Amino acid sequence: MIKLFKASKVTSLQKKYDKLMKEAYDLSKSNPEMSQQKQLEAQEIQRQIISQPL
């Protein structure tokens, strides 16, 4: 049951990561600086995902 909660946390982080990457892509055409900021935020989320124990 504990793994179920950890998997849901990873799933929610993955959704945040996907959302940030989509926003970064959309902004890349109009505002490259904001796009870069969104990519940095997404990288931080990715680090959190990787650091989660299995």
Protein backbone atom coordinates (compact mmCIF):
# COMPACT_ATOMS: atom_id res chain seq x y z
CA MET A 1 0.00 0.00 0.00
CA ILE A 2 2.91 2.34 0.66
CA LYS A 3 4.11 1.92 -2.93
CA LEU A 4 0.69 3.05 -4.12
CA PHE A 5 1.17 6.44 -2.46
CA LYS A 6 4.69 6.82 -3.82
CA ALA A 7 3.54 5.97 -7.31
CA SER A 8 0.82 8.59 -7.12
CA LYS A 9 3.36 11.22 -6.05
CA VAL A 10 5.56 10.33 -9.02
CA THR A 11 2.52 10.45 -11.27
CA SER A 12 1.56 13.91 -10.05
CA LEU A 13 5.14 15.13 -10.50
CA GLN A 14 5.15 13.68 -14.02
CA LYS A 15 1.97 15.60 -14.83
CA LYS A 16 3.55 18.84 -13.57
CA TYR A 17 6.64 18.14 -15.65
CA ASP A 18 4.58 17.51 -18.79
CA LYS A 19 2.57 20.70 -18.22
CA LEU A 20 5.71 22.82 -17.74
CA MET A 21 7.34 21.39 -20.86
CA LYS A 22 4.23 22.12 -22.93
CA GLU A 23 4.15 25.69 -21.62
CA ALA A 24 7.87 26.04 -22.40
CA TYR A 25 7.28 24.85 -25.95
CA ASP A 26 4.37 27.26 -26.45
CA LEU A 27 6.39 30.17 -25.04
CA SER A 28 9.46 29.34 -27.11
CA LYS A 29 7.91 31.04 -30.12
CA SER A 30 6.87 34.25 -28.40
CA ASN A 31 8.98 34.67 -25.27
CA PRO A 32 12.24 32.67 -25.19
CA GLU A 33 13.23 33.95 -21.75
CA MET A 34 10.02 32.69 -20.13
CA SER A 35 10.38 29.45 -22.04
CA GLN A 36 13.81 28.96 -20.55
CA GLN A 37 12.44 29.63 -17.06
CA LYS A 38 9.73 27.00 -17.55
CA GLN A 39 12.37 24.52 -18.72
CA LEU A 40 14.39 25.14 -15.56
CA GLU A 41 11.30 24.54 -13.43
CA ALA A 42 10.64 21.32 -15.35
CA GLN A 43 14.23 20.19 -14.74
CA GLU A 44 13.74 20.65 -11.02
CA ILE A 45 10.58 18.53 -11.14
CA GLN A 46 12.50 15.91 -13.12
CA ARG A 47 15.19 15.82 -10.40
CA GLN A 48 12.46 15.24 -7.81
CA ILE A 49 11.05 12.37 -9.89
CA ILE A 50 14.48 10.75 -10.21
CA SER A 51 15.19 11.10 -6.51
CA GLN A 52 12.01 9.26 -5.53
CA PRO A 53 12.76 5.77 -4.16
CA LEU A 54 11.26 2.85 -6.02
